[in-house]
Amino acid sequence: MSTGTTLPVVKRALLDALIARPGLAGVQLAYEMPQRGIAAESLWFGEDTETEAGIPVMKAGTKHVDEQFALPMVVQALITDGRDAETADQRAAALLAELQQCLAQNPRLTPAIQWAEMTGWVHHVGPIGDGTARGSRFDVAIRVRARLTP
């Protein structure tokens, strides 16, 4: 990989890997939050990616860059048939497990990176609309490390 960032390459590689998983058949998988028609089961990349890049400054010229960033991904299950929050949590956890296994089975999603791993999540649960529907959402952090070369 040349200097710049591996972010778009990693996002595409992870999305393609998730699309290929049989356990996610029928789940909405998107590069960004769907603007219309969010499905009952969805995964998409979050809005803000944080980075740490080690850029040597002791000499002039193009340099190797050690890139590390936290890629956000949303894992969401919406239950609209009157079942409870536990049902929503169970389904969201199953979707989360698919993401975990995808990264565990292939931490080097693309030759452009050294590895990608899930480092944590924040969970949200609650009623939707009139209270007869429930939602469960994991905001996941995926740590990516790459060595960019000129």
C-alpha atoms as a PDB file:
ATOM      1  CA  MET A   1       0.000   0.000   0.000  1.00  0.00           C
ATOM      2  CA  SER A   2       1.266   3.451  -0.775  1.00  0.00           C
ATOM      3  CA  THR A   3       1.152   6.311   1.676  1.00  0.00           C
ATOM      4  CA  GLY A   4      -2.258   7.776   2.423  1.00  0.00           C
ATOM      5  CA  THR A   5      -4.615   5.443   4.262  1.00  0.00           C
ATOM      6  CA  THR A   6      -5.947   1.911   4.004  1.00  0.00           C
ATOM      7  CA  LEU A   7      -9.382   2.946   5.319  1.00  0.00           C
ATOM      8  CA  PRO A   8     -11.463   2.576   2.109  1.00  0.00           C
ATOM      9  CA  VAL A   9      -9.681  -0.655   1.144  1.00  0.00           C
ATOM     10  CA  VAL A  10     -10.315  -2.170   4.590  1.00  0.00           C
ATOM     11  CA  LYS A  11     -13.962  -1.136   4.614  1.00  0.00           C
ATOM     12  CA  ARG A  12     -14.550  -2.719   1.193  1.00  0.00           C
ATOM     13  CA  ALA A  13     -12.671  -5.909   2.142  1.00  0.00           C
ATOM     14  CA  LEU A  14     -14.608  -6.315   5.403  1.00  0.00           C
ATOM     15  CA  LEU A  15     -17.940  -5.627   3.734  1.00  0.00           C
ATOM     16  CA  ASP A  16     -17.176  -8.207   1.021  1.00  0.00           C
ATOM     17  CA  ALA A  17     -16.127 -10.752   3.670  1.00  0.00           C
ATOM     18  CA  LEU A  18     -19.372 -10.195   5.595  1.00  0.00           C
ATOM     19  CA  ILE A  19     -21.472 -10.489   2.426  1.00  0.00           C
ATOM     20  CA  ALA A  20     -19.870 -13.896   1.795  1.00  0.00           C
ATOM     21  CA  ARG A  21     -20.869 -15.274   5.223  1.00  0.00           C
ATOM     22  CA  PRO A  22     -23.839 -17.675   5.061  1.00  0.00           C
ATOM     23  CA  GLY A  23     -24.863 -16.669   8.601  1.00  0.00           C
ATOM     24  CA  LEU A  24     -25.546 -13.142   7.339  1.00  0.00           C
ATOM     25  CA  ALA A  25     -27.729 -14.130   4.381  1.00  0.00           C
ATOM     26  CA  GLY A  26     -30.732 -11.811   4.308  1.00  0.00           C
ATOM     27  CA  VAL A  27     -29.066  -9.237   6.576  1.00  0.00           C
ATOM     28  CA  GLN A  28     -28.685  -5.699   5.224  1.00  0.00           C
ATOM     29  CA  LEU A  29     -24.936  -5.039   4.888  1.00  0.00           C
ATOM     30  CA  ALA A  30     -24.013  -1.489   3.895  1.00  0.00           C
ATOM     31  CA  TYR A  31     -20.973   0.758   3.510  1.00  0.00           C
ATOM     32  CA  GLU A  32     -22.780   3.538   5.384  1.00  0.00           C
ATOM     33  CA  MET A  33     -25.986   3.926   7.379  1.00  0.00           C
ATOM     34  CA  PRO A  34     -28.852   3.285   4.963  1.00  0.00           C
ATOM     35  CA  GLN A  35     -30.615   6.576   4.283  1.00  0.00           C
ATOM     36  CA  ARG A  36     -33.911   4.872   3.483  1.00  0.00           C
ATOM     37  CA  GLY A  37     -35.340   1.571   4.518  1.00  0.00           C
ATOM     38  CA  ILE A  38     -33.160   0.312   7.346  1.00  0.00           C
ATOM     39  CA  ALA A  39     -33.888  -3.400   7.501  1.00  0.00           C
ATOM     40  CA  ALA A  40     -34.764  -5.264  10.683  1.00  0.00           C
ATOM     41  CA  GLU A  41     -31.242  -6.726  10.723  1.00  0.00           C
ATOM     42  CA  SER A  42     -28.414  -4.464   9.586  1.00  0.00           C
ATOM     43  CA  LEU A  43     -24.670  -3.893   9.750  1.00  0.00           C
ATOM     44  CA  TRP A  44     -22.977  -0.738   8.480  1.00  0.00           C
ATOM     45  CA  PHE A  45     -19.859   1.328   9.094  1.00  0.00           C
ATOM     46  CA  GLY A  46     -20.203   4.149  11.616  1.00  0.00           C
ATOM     47  CA  GLU A  47     -19.511   7.775  10.853  1.00  0.00           C
ATOM     48  CA  ASP A  48     -16.302   8.672  12.700  1.00  0.00           C
ATOM     49  CA  THR A  49     -13.025   6.776  12.367  1.00  0.00           C
ATOM     50  CA  GLU A  50     -10.187   7.694  14.727  1.00  0.00           C
ATOM     51  CA  THR A  51      -6.572   7.219  13.735  1.00  0.00           C
ATOM     52  CA  GLU A  52      -3.082   7.142  15.152  1.00  0.00           C
ATOM     53  CA  ALA A  53      -0.287   7.318  12.604  1.00  0.00           C
ATOM     54  CA  GLY A  54       3.406   7.205  13.421  1.00  0.00           C
ATOM     55  CA  ILE A  55       5.124   9.431  10.872  1.00  0.00           C
ATOM     56  CA  PRO A  56       8.902   9.762  11.224  1.00  0.00           C
ATOM     57  CA  VAL A  57      10.042  13.383  10.971  1.00  0.00           C
ATOM     58  CA  MET A  58      13.817  13.168  11.388  1.00  0.00           C
ATOM     59  CA  LYS A  59      14.656  13.165   7.670  1.00  0.00           C
ATOM     60  CA  ALA A  60      13.274  14.657   4.493  1.00  0.00           C
ATOM     61  CA  GLY A  61      11.472  12.630   1.832  1.00  0.00           C
ATOM     62  CA  THR A  62       8.708  10.069   1.653  1.00  0.00           C
ATOM     63  CA  LYS A  63       8.495   7.875   4.741  1.00  0.00           C
ATOM     64  CA  HIS A  64       7.002   4.629   5.960  1.00  0.00           C
ATOM     65  CA  VAL A  65       3.895   5.283   8.038  1.00  0.00           C
ATOM     66  CA  ASP A  66       2.561   2.984  10.758  1.00  0.00           C
ATOM     67  CA  GLU A  67      -1.194   3.462  10.546  1.00  0.00           C
ATOM     68  CA  GLN A  68      -3.606   2.381  13.238  1.00  0.00           C
ATOM     69  CA  PHE A  69      -7.283   3.274  13.331  1.00  0.00           C
ATOM     70  CA  ALA A  70     -10.497   2.354  15.109  1.00  0.00           C
ATOM     71  CA  LEU A  71     -13.132   1.564  12.498  1.00  0.00           C
ATOM     72  CA  PRO A  72     -16.685   1.848  13.846  1.00  0.00           C
ATOM     73  CA  MET A  73     -19.331  -0.658  12.783  1.00  0.00           C
ATOM     74  CA  VAL A  74     -22.987  -0.753  13.785  1.00  0.00           C
ATOM     75  CA  VAL A  75     -24.700  -4.111  14.371  1.00  0.00           C
ATOM     76  CA  GLN A  76     -28.452  -3.704  14.815  1.00  0.00           C
ATOM     77  CA  ALA A  77     -31.547  -5.861  15.232  1.00  0.00           C
ATOM     78  CA  LEU A  78     -35.064  -4.414  15.258  1.00  0.00           C
ATOM     79  CA  ILE A  79     -37.944  -6.594  16.442  1.00  0.00           C
ATOM     80  CA  THR A  80     -41.315  -5.259  15.275  1.00  0.00           C
ATOM     81  CA  ASP A  81     -43.639  -8.201  15.911  1.00  0.00           C
ATOM     82  CA  GLY A  82     -44.321  -7.561  19.597  1.00  0.00           C
ATOM     83  CA  ARG A  83     -41.549  -9.753  21.006  1.00  0.00           C
ATOM     84  CA  ASP A  84     -39.413  -8.369  23.840  1.00  0.00           C
ATOM     85  CA  ALA A  85     -36.015  -6.711  24.242  1.00  0.00           C
ATOM     86  CA  GLU A  86     -34.408 -10.046  25.099  1.00  0.00           C
ATOM     87  CA  THR A  87     -35.332 -11.327  21.638  1.00  0.00           C
ATOM     88  CA  ALA A  88     -33.762  -8.231  20.065  1.00  0.00           C
ATOM     89  CA  ASP A  89     -30.621  -8.691  22.199  1.00  0.00           C
ATOM     90  CA  GLN A  90     -30.305 -12.357  21.235  1.00  0.00           C
ATOM     91  CA  ARG A  91     -30.529 -11.595  17.523  1.00  0.00           C
ATOM     92  CA  ALA A  92     -28.117  -8.650  17.724  1.00  0.00           C
ATOM     93  CA  ALA A  93     -25.667 -10.852  19.660  1.00  0.00           C
ATOM     94  CA  ALA A  94     -25.892 -13.514  16.928  1.00  0.00           C
ATOM     95  CA  LEU A  95     -25.082 -10.868  14.296  1.00  0.00           C
ATOM     96  CA  LEU A  96     -22.200  -9.626  16.456  1.00  0.00           C
ATOM     97  CA  ALA A  97     -20.862 -13.197  16.662  1.00  0.00           C
ATOM     98  CA  GLU A  98     -20.795 -13.350  12.850  1.00  0.00           C
ATOM     99  CA  LEU A  99     -18.682 -10.192  12.749  1.00  0.00           C
ATOM    100  CA  GLN A 100     -16.362 -11.564  15.461  1.00  0.00           C
ATOM    101  CA  GLN A 101     -15.894 -14.845  13.586  1.00  0.00           C
ATOM    102  CA  CYS A 102     -15.290 -13.072  10.293  1.00  0.00           C
ATOM    103  CA  LEU A 103     -12.416 -11.111  11.834  1.00  0.00           C
ATOM    104  CA  ALA A 104     -11.098 -14.113  13.802  1.00  0.00           C
ATOM    105  CA  GLN A 105     -10.986 -16.320  10.705  1.00  0.00           C
ATOM    106  CA  ASN A 106      -9.295 -13.684   8.559  1.00  0.00           C
ATOM    107  CA  PRO A 107      -7.682 -10.876  10.576  1.00  0.00           C
ATOM    108  CA  ARG A 108      -5.713  -9.818   7.505  1.00  0.00           C
ATOM    109  CA  LEU A 109      -8.718  -8.868   5.409  1.00  0.00           C
ATOM    110  CA  THR A 110      -6.512  -7.475   2.657  1.00  0.00           C
ATOM    111  CA  PRO A 111      -2.766  -7.594   1.956  1.00  0.00           C
ATOM    112  CA  ALA A 112      -2.777  -3.827   2.559  1.00  0.00           C
ATOM    113  CA  ILE A 113      -2.971  -4.329   6.350  1.00  0.00           C
ATOM    114  CA  GLN A 114      -1.230  -6.277   9.087  1.00  0.00           C
ATOM    115  CA  TRP A 115      -4.421  -7.143  10.997  1.00  0.00           C
ATOM    116  CA  ALA A 116      -7.918  -6.122  12.032  1.00  0.00           C
ATOM    117  CA  GLU A 117      -9.571  -7.175  15.285  1.00  0.00           C
ATOM    118  CA  MET A 118     -12.639  -6.296  17.280  1.00  0.00           C
ATOM    119  CA  THR A 119     -11.571  -4.400  20.393  1.00  0.00           C
ATOM    120  CA  GLY A 120     -14.884  -3.626  22.051  1.00  0.00           C
ATOM    121  CA  TRP A 121     -18.450  -2.440  21.763  1.00  0.00           C
ATOM    122  CA  VAL A 122     -21.116  -0.270  23.353  1.00  0.00           C
ATOM    123  CA  HIS A 123     -24.618  -1.738  23.605  1.00  0.00           C
ATOM    124  CA  HIS A 124     -27.931   0.131  23.291  1.00  0.00           C
ATOM    125  CA  VAL A 125     -31.399  -1.378  23.743  1.00  0.00           C
ATOM    126  CA  GLY A 126     -34.859   0.080  23.983  1.00  0.00           C
ATOM    127  CA  PRO A 127     -38.388   0.505  22.670  1.00  0.00           C
ATOM    128  CA  ILE A 128     -39.086   1.873  19.200  1.00  0.00           C
ATOM    129  CA  GLY A 129     -42.075   3.955  18.148  1.00  0.00           C
ATOM    130  CA  ASP A 130     -45.259   3.149  20.044  1.00  0.00           C
ATOM    131  CA  GLY A 131     -43.476   0.722  22.377  1.00  0.00           C
ATOM    132  CA  THR A 132     -44.513  -2.522  20.658  1.00  0.00           C
ATOM    133  CA  ALA A 133     -41.156  -2.836  18.890  1.00  0.00           C
ATOM    134  CA  ARG A 134     -37.686  -3.270  20.372  1.00  0.00           C
ATOM    135  CA  GLY A 135     -34.213  -2.512  19.114  1.00  0.00           C
ATOM    136  CA  SER A 136     -30.799  -3.802  20.108  1.00  0.00           C
ATOM    137  CA  ARG A 137     -27.619  -2.211  18.751  1.00  0.00           C
ATOM    138  CA  PHE A 138     -23.904  -2.764  19.202  1.00  0.00           C
ATOM    139  CA  ASP A 139     -21.542   0.070  18.269  1.00  0.00           C
ATOM    140  CA  VAL A 140     -18.400  -1.944  17.586  1.00  0.00           C
ATOM    141  CA  ALA A 141     -14.775  -0.776  17.454  1.00  0.00           C
ATOM    142  CA  ILE A 142     -12.498  -2.616  15.030  1.00  0.00           C
ATOM    143  CA  ARG A 143      -8.782  -1.859  15.436  1.00  0.00           C
ATOM    144  CA  VAL A 144      -6.810  -1.944  12.175  1.00  0.00           C
ATOM    145  CA  ARG A 145      -3.029  -1.791  11.853  1.00  0.00           C
ATOM    146  CA  ALA A 146      -1.123  -1.233   8.615  1.00  0.00           C
ATOM    147  CA  ARG A 147       2.341  -0.269   7.422  1.00  0.00           C
ATOM    148  CA  LEU A 148       2.143   2.242   4.602  1.00  0.00           C
ATOM    149  CA  THR A 149       5.133   2.451   2.306  1.00  0.00           C
ATOM    150  CA  PRO A 150       6.077   4.966  -0.361  1.00  0.00           C
END
